Amino acid sequence: MLPGMAGSDPAPVTLVLGDEELLAERAVSGIVAAARAADPDVEVHDLVGSKVTTGELTQLTSPSLFGDRSVVVIRSAQDLAKEVIAEVVTYAKQPADDTVLVLAHPGGVKGKALVDGVKKAKAAVITINKVTKAGERLDFIKGEFKRAGRSISGDAAQALLDAVGHDLRELAAACSQLAFDTEDKTISAAAVARYHKGRAEVTGFNVADSAIEGRLGDALEQLRWALGTGVAPVLLVSALAGGLRSLAKVGSAPRNLRGGQLASHVGMPPWKVDRVRRQLNGWGPEGLSRAIQAVADADEQVKGGGADPAYALEHTVQVIVASRTGR
């Protein structure tokens, strides 16, 4: 078991290092879950690096008069100010007994002083390796079913990878949907084909691209065809969410980054960055926020919160297009 993960006592300070977003989030969640297992009343403070002020960590980790335990999570720790990094490193050398500190850092040069400092202070380190090879993605798929107490045949795992694509969030959602909708202990290639037929012709990514680019008619037509051929609504929601997250990542990146630097910063291949930059035309922060909220609402609807997933998806596509154009 990785240090700091659920099932063991979490370390006083843990650095989650790596830019594979889904896996990093799971590592952080695992540490929080372990702390809650040890003390269900533990108080969790979830912070973003750029917003942490000098002295805030000291305040949050100060001993409580009532002996309360706490967890402090700092995400995007590479964005911590220099003074705050110094404070975190000093704290890591002598952490409080009743506090668990979790630092999530994507790696890279930015904020390297933090990484070096907490490592030197003997903090626990969970390294999240980037999943880049097809074999690694197949292992990820098999691991997802193992987590659900199931298994998947080799040819079925390959068929799922071919149908869904390389994005880990998409793959995780597809595995979850298959595990929920099938009863067989081992998922077969036939089950994958049954739930993903038509994805080669019209995928959730096509629907998302059309909506994000403001092509309402195309997006609705592709959406209805996808639903009619058996594409699971949860996968379509996931594709919409992924497309909007890509817009947010590229749109909020520092303006001075270009080419490979920008691709590395946002964790996308250069060809995808170029496409997303073109898609950003017509989008602003407020419209993007509305669209992301609409997708979050749709996610709840298709997972049981609403009676008609198809209507929820069509409404979401309409909101996305309207948010882009400002109407």
Protein backbone atom coordinates (compact mmCIF):
# COMPACT_ATOMS: atom_id res chain seq x y z
CA MET A 1 0.00 0.00 0.00
CA LEU A 2 1.27 3.49 -0.85
CA PRO A 3 2.25 5.67 2.13
CA GLY A 4 -0.55 7.82 3.43
CA MET A 5 -3.29 5.85 1.66
CA ALA A 6 -6.52 4.55 3.18
CA GLY A 7 -6.04 1.39 5.20
CA SER A 8 -2.98 2.70 7.07
CA ASP A 9 -2.33 5.54 9.44
CA PRO A 10 -1.71 8.63 7.29
CA ALA A 11 1.74 10.19 7.58
CA PRO A 12 1.96 13.60 9.29
CA VAL A 13 3.07 15.16 5.97
CA THR A 14 2.58 13.62 2.52
CA LEU A 15 3.65 14.98 -0.85
CA VAL A 16 1.56 13.71 -3.78
CA LEU A 17 3.85 14.31 -6.74
CA GLY A 18 2.75 13.97 -10.36
CA ASP A 19 0.43 15.47 -12.97
CA GLU A 20 -1.83 12.51 -13.77
CA GLU A 21 -4.82 14.40 -12.41
CA LEU A 22 -7.25 11.57 -11.71
CA LEU A 23 -4.68 9.41 -9.93
CA ALA A 24 -3.35 12.36 -7.93
CA GLU A 25 -6.88 13.22 -6.80
CA ARG A 26 -7.43 9.61 -5.75
CA ALA A 27 -4.20 9.61 -3.76
CA VAL A 28 -5.26 12.75 -1.90
CA SER A 29 -8.74 11.33 -1.30
CA GLY A 30 -7.17 8.13 0.02
CA ILE A 31 -5.19 10.03 2.64
CA VAL A 32 -8.26 12.01 3.72
CA ALA A 33 -10.26 8.78 3.93
CA ALA A 34 -7.56 7.19 6.10
CA ALA A 35 -7.64 10.17 8.45
CA ARG A 36 -11.43 9.98 8.67
CA ALA A 37 -11.27 6.25 9.33
CA ALA A 38 -9.01 6.97 12.29
CA ASP A 39 -11.25 9.82 13.50
CA PRO A 40 -14.69 10.35 11.89
CA ASP A 41 -14.86 13.86 13.37
CA VAL A 42 -11.60 15.05 11.82
CA GLU A 43 -11.88 18.53 10.30
CA VAL A 44 -10.71 18.84 6.68
CA HIS A 45 -9.37 22.11 5.24
CA ASP A 46 -9.09 21.96 1.43
CA LEU A 47 -6.96 24.81 0.07
CA VAL A 48 -5.60 25.95 -3.31
CA GLY A 49 -1.93 26.93 -3.42
CA SER A 50 -2.37 30.37 -4.97
CA LYS A 51 -4.86 31.36 -2.24
CA VAL A 52 -2.85 30.28 0.82
CA THR A 53 -1.58 33.27 2.76
CA THR A 54 1.44 33.61 5.04
CA GLY A 55 0.63 32.34 8.51
CA GLU A 56 -2.46 30.41 7.41
CA LEU A 57 -0.81 27.00 7.75
CA THR A 58 0.46 27.89 11.21
CA GLN A 59 -3.03 28.94 12.24
CA LEU A 60 -4.67 25.77 10.88
CA THR A 61 -2.11 23.45 12.49
CA SER A 62 -2.02 25.11 15.90
CA PRO A 63 -3.00 22.73 18.73
CA SER A 64 -6.72 22.77 19.54
CA LEU A 65 -7.92 23.38 23.08
CA PHE A 66 -10.28 20.43 22.60
CA GLY A 67 -7.72 18.09 21.05
CA ASP A 68 -9.49 18.06 17.69
CA ARG A 69 -7.65 16.42 14.79
CA SER A 70 -7.47 18.04 11.35
CA VAL A 71 -6.39 17.44 7.76
CA VAL A 72 -4.96 20.27 5.67
CA VAL A 73 -4.90 19.64 1.91
CA ILE A 74 -3.05 22.10 -0.30
CA ARG A 75 -3.73 21.50 -3.99
CA SER A 76 -1.65 23.07 -6.80
CA ALA A 77 1.13 23.51 -4.26
CA GLN A 78 3.44 24.72 -7.02
CA ASP A 79 1.55 28.04 -6.83
CA LEU A 80 2.39 28.71 -3.17
CA ALA A 81 4.16 32.01 -2.54
CA LYS A 82 7.85 31.86 -1.64
CA GLU A 83 7.15 32.87 1.97
CA VAL A 84 4.47 30.20 2.33
CA ILE A 85 6.79 27.53 0.88
CA ALA A 86 9.34 28.42 3.56
CA GLU A 87 6.60 28.12 6.19
CA VAL A 88 5.49 24.71 4.87
CA VAL A 89 9.06 23.36 4.77
CA THR A 90 9.71 24.54 8.32
CA TYR A 91 6.48 22.91 9.46
CA ALA A 92 7.33 19.63 7.71
CA LYS A 93 10.49 19.33 9.82
CA GLN A 94 8.40 19.28 13.02
CA PRO A 95 4.76 18.54 12.11
CA ALA A 96 1.97 18.67 14.66
CA ASP A 97 0.80 15.41 16.21
CA ASP A 98 -2.89 16.04 15.57
CA THR A 99 -2.68 17.29 11.97
CA VAL A 100 -2.24 15.54 8.63
CA LEU A 101 -0.81 17.78 5.89
CA VAL A 102 -1.21 16.77 2.24
CA LEU A 103 0.58 18.66 -0.54
CA ALA A 104 -0.39 18.00 -4.18
CA HIS A 105 2.28 19.10 -6.67
CA PRO A 106 2.30 18.25 -10.42
CA GLY A 107 6.07 18.10 -10.66
CA GLY A 108 8.17 20.33 -12.85
CA VAL A 109 10.34 23.32 -12.04
CA LYS A 110 7.73 25.62 -10.51
CA GLY A 111 7.63 25.22 -6.75
CA LYS A 112 10.64 22.88 -6.79
CA ALA A 113 11.88 24.42 -3.54
CA LEU A 114 8.79 23.02 -1.85
CA VAL A 115 9.36 19.53 -3.26
CA ASP A 116 13.04 19.50 -2.29
CA GLY A 117 12.33 20.96 1.14
CA VAL A 118 9.62 18.55 2.24
CA LYS A 119 11.54 15.58 0.84
CA LYS A 120 14.56 16.64 2.89
CA ALA A 121 12.25 16.91 5.92
CA LYS A 122 11.45 13.19 5.43
CA ALA A 123 7.82 13.70 4.36
CA ALA A 124 6.07 10.69 2.83
CA VAL A 125 6.04 10.87 -0.98
CA ILE A 126 3.47 9.33 -3.31
CA THR A 127 4.76 9.54 -6.88
CA ILE A 128 2.07 9.54 -9.56
CA ASN A 129 3.54 8.38 -12.85
CA LYS A 130 2.02 9.64 -16.08
CA VAL A 131 0.03 6.97 -17.91
CA THR A 132 1.30 7.23 -21.48
CA LYS A 133 1.54 3.72 -22.94
CA ALA A 134 -1.32 1.57 -24.21
CA GLY A 135 -0.23 -1.26 -21.91
CA GLU A 136 -0.42 1.05 -18.91
CA ARG A 137 -3.94 2.12 -19.87
CA LEU A 138 -4.98 -1.51 -20.20
CA ASP A 139 -3.57 -2.13 -16.71
CA PHE A 140 -5.56 0.87 -15.48
CA ILE A 141 -8.78 -0.57 -16.94
CA LYS A 142 -8.13 -3.94 -15.31
CA GLY A 143 -7.39 -2.18 -12.03
CA GLU A 144 -10.69 -0.30 -12.19
CA PHE A 145 -12.65 -3.54 -12.42
CA LYS A 146 -10.57 -5.09 -9.67
CA ARG A 147 -11.51 -2.14 -7.44
CA ALA A 148 -15.15 -2.97 -8.19
CA GLY A 149 -14.63 -6.63 -7.32
CA ARG A 150 -14.84 -7.70 -10.96
CA SER A 151 -12.50 -8.59 -13.80
CA ILE A 152 -12.32 -7.93 -17.53
CA SER A 153 -10.88 -10.12 -20.29
CA GLY A 154 -7.89 -8.89 -22.26
CA ASP A 155 -9.79 -8.48 -25.52
CA ALA A 156 -12.60 -6.66 -23.69
CA ALA A 157 -10.12 -4.25 -22.10
CA GLN A 158 -8.64 -3.51 -25.54
CA ALA A 159 -12.11 -3.01 -27.02
CA LEU A 160 -12.98 -0.59 -24.21
CA LEU A 161 -9.78 1.37 -24.76
CA ASP A 162 -10.49 1.54 -28.51
CA ALA A 163 -14.07 2.69 -27.89
CA VAL A 164 -13.50 5.27 -25.18
CA GLY A 165 -10.06 6.72 -25.88
CA HIS A 166 -7.05 7.55 -23.73
CA ASP A 167 -8.44 10.00 -21.16
CA LEU A 168 -8.31 8.34 -17.72
CA ARG A 169 -11.46 10.06 -16.49
CA GLU A 170 -13.34 8.80 -19.53
CA LEU A 171 -11.99 5.31 -18.98
CA ALA A 172 -12.84 5.36 -15.28
CA ALA A 173 -16.40 6.48 -16.04
CA ALA A 174 -16.76 3.76 -18.69
CA CYS A 175 -15.50 1.07 -16.30
CA SER A 176 -17.86 2.28 -13.58
CA GLN A 177 -20.81 2.23 -15.98
CA LEU A 178 -20.01 -1.26 -17.24
CA ALA A 179 -19.59 -2.60 -13.70
CA PHE A 180 -22.94 -1.07 -12.75
CA ASP A 181 -24.85 -2.28 -15.82
CA THR A 182 -23.52 -5.84 -16.09
CA GLU A 183 -23.78 -8.82 -13.76
CA ASP A 184 -21.07 -11.10 -15.15
CA LYS A 185 -18.08 -11.50 -12.85
CA THR A 186 -15.78 -11.12 -15.87
CA ILE A 187 -16.62 -8.40 -18.40
CA SER A 188 -16.49 -9.76 -21.96
CA ALA A 189 -15.81 -8.10 -25.29
CA ALA A 190 -19.49 -8.68 -26.15
CA ALA A 191 -20.53 -6.60 -23.12
CA VAL A 192 -18.21 -3.79 -24.19
CA ALA A 193 -19.61 -3.88 -27.73
CA ARG A 194 -23.16 -3.81 -26.41
CA TYR A 195 -22.61 -0.70 -24.33
CA HIS A 196 -20.34 1.16 -26.71
CA LYS A 197 -21.66 0.38 -30.17
CA GLY A 198 -21.62 3.42 -32.36
CA ARG A 199 -18.78 5.15 -30.52
CA ALA A 200 -16.46 4.65 -33.48
CA GLU A 201 -18.82 6.77 -35.59
CA VAL A 202 -20.11 9.25 -33.02
CA THR A 203 -18.31 9.58 -29.70
CA GLY A 204 -18.92 11.78 -26.72
CA PHE A 205 -15.90 13.79 -27.87
CA ASN A 206 -17.69 14.66 -31.13
CA VAL A 207 -20.73 15.87 -29.20
CA ALA A 208 -18.52 17.89 -26.84
CA ASP A 209 -16.51 19.48 -29.68
CA SER A 210 -19.68 20.52 -31.54
CA ALA A 211 -21.24 22.04 -28.41
CA ILE A 212 -18.07 23.86 -27.34
CA GLU A 213 -17.61 25.25 -30.86
CA GLY A 214 -21.19 26.57 -30.86
CA ARG A 215 -22.64 24.19 -33.46
CA LEU A 216 -25.95 23.51 -31.72
CA GLY A 217 -27.65 21.60 -34.55
CA ASP A 218 -24.70 19.27 -35.05
CA ALA A 219 -24.27 18.70 -31.31
CA LEU A 220 -27.94 17.79 -30.77
CA GLU A 221 -28.03 15.52 -33.82
CA GLN A 222 -24.87 13.70 -32.71
CA LEU A 223 -26.16 13.47 -29.14
CA ARG A 224 -29.47 11.88 -30.18
CA TRP A 225 -27.73 9.45 -32.51
CA ALA A 226 -25.24 8.47 -29.79
CA LEU A 227 -28.01 7.87 -27.26
CA GLY A 228 -30.02 5.94 -29.84
CA THR A 229 -27.11 3.59 -30.53
CA GLY A 230 -26.53 2.79 -26.88
CA VAL A 231 -23.81 5.18 -25.72
CA ALA A 232 -24.24 5.52 -21.96
CA PRO A 233 -25.36 9.02 -20.81
CA VAL A 234 -22.65 9.10 -18.13
CA LEU A 235 -19.99 8.86 -20.85
CA LEU A 236 -21.50 11.77 -22.75
CA VAL A 237 -21.55 13.88 -19.60
CA SER A 238 -17.94 12.94 -18.94
CA ALA A 239 -16.93 13.98 -22.46
CA LEU A 240 -18.67 17.36 -22.07
CA ALA A 241 -16.95 17.88 -18.72
CA GLY A 242 -13.58 16.93 -20.19
CA GLY A 243 -13.94 19.38 -23.06
CA LEU A 244 -14.81 22.24 -20.72
CA ARG A 245 -11.97 21.36 -18.33
CA SER A 246 -9.57 21.56 -21.27
CA LEU A 247 -10.88 25.04 -22.10
CA ALA A 248 -10.41 26.12 -18.49
CA LYS A 249 -6.86 24.74 -18.30
CA VAL A 250 -5.66 26.36 -21.51
CA GLY A 251 -7.61 29.57 -20.93
CA SER A 252 -6.12 30.11 -17.46
CA ALA A 253 -2.53 29.23 -18.41
CA PRO A 254 0.08 32.02 -18.22
CA ARG A 255 0.06 34.09 -21.40
CA ASN A 256 3.83 33.88 -21.86
CA LEU A 257 3.81 30.10 -22.36
CA ARG A 258 4.01 28.85 -25.92
CA GLY A 259 4.30 25.52 -27.74
CA GLY A 260 5.82 22.73 -25.70
CA GLN A 261 5.92 24.84 -22.51
CA LEU A 262 2.18 25.40 -22.66
CA ALA A 263 1.50 21.75 -23.48
CA SER A 264 3.61 20.65 -20.51
CA HIS A 265 1.94 23.17 -18.17
CA VAL A 266 -1.60 22.02 -18.97
CA GLY A 267 -0.71 18.33 -19.36
CA MET A 268 -1.92 17.91 -22.95
CA PRO A 269 -0.22 16.91 -26.19
CA PRO A 270 0.60 19.93 -28.43
CA TRP A 271 -1.99 18.97 -31.08
CA LYS A 272 -4.75 19.03 -28.46
CA VAL A 273 -3.58 22.39 -27.08
CA ASP A 274 -3.78 23.86 -30.58
CA ARG A 275 -7.34 22.58 -31.01
CA VAL A 276 -8.45 23.84 -27.60
CA ARG A 277 -6.95 27.28 -28.26
CA ARG A 278 -9.06 27.50 -31.42
CA GLN A 279 -12.13 26.40 -29.45
CA LEU A 280 -11.55 29.13 -26.85
CA ASN A 281 -12.65 31.76 -29.38
CA GLY A 282 -15.97 33.13 -28.11
CA TRP A 283 -15.55 31.90 -24.54
CA GLY A 284 -15.19 34.02 -21.42
CA PRO A 285 -14.80 33.15 -17.72
CA GLU A 286 -18.48 33.71 -16.85
CA GLY A 287 -19.77 31.65 -19.77
CA LEU A 288 -17.34 28.85 -19.00
CA SER A 289 -18.45 28.84 -15.37
CA ARG A 290 -22.12 28.57 -16.40
CA ALA A 291 -21.34 25.72 -18.79
CA ILE A 292 -19.36 23.79 -16.16
CA GLN A 293 -22.21 24.19 -13.66
CA ALA A 294 -24.69 22.93 -16.27
CA VAL A 295 -22.60 19.81 -16.81
CA ALA A 296 -22.36 19.24 -13.05
CA ASP A 297 -26.17 19.41 -12.88
CA ALA A 298 -26.46 16.97 -15.79
CA ASP A 299 -24.08 14.58 -14.07
CA GLU A 300 -26.44 14.43 -11.10
CA GLN A 301 -29.43 13.95 -13.41
CA VAL A 302 -27.98 11.03 -15.37
CA LYS A 303 -26.82 9.30 -12.19
CA GLY A 304 -30.30 9.08 -10.76
CA GLY A 305 -31.25 12.61 -9.78
CA GLY A 306 -33.60 13.09 -12.72
CA ALA A 307 -36.15 11.03 -14.62
CA ASP A 308 -34.97 11.80 -18.16
CA PRO A 309 -31.18 11.71 -18.84
CA ALA A 310 -31.72 12.45 -22.55
CA TYR A 311 -33.58 15.68 -21.77
CA ALA A 312 -30.92 16.65 -19.22
CA LEU A 313 -28.18 16.15 -21.82
CA GLU A 314 -30.00 18.10 -24.53
CA HIS A 315 -30.61 20.97 -22.10
CA THR A 316 -26.94 20.93 -21.10
CA VAL A 317 -25.79 21.10 -24.72
CA GLN A 318 -28.10 24.09 -25.27
CA VAL A 319 -26.71 25.85 -22.16
CA ILE A 320 -23.11 25.22 -23.32
CA VAL A 321 -23.77 26.73 -26.75
CA ALA A 322 -25.63 29.70 -25.26
CA SER A 323 -22.85 30.29 -22.72
CA ARG A 324 -20.27 30.42 -25.50
CA THR A 325 -22.12 32.99 -27.56
CA GLY A 326 -23.25 35.03 -24.56
CA ARG A 327 -26.94 34.71 -25.39
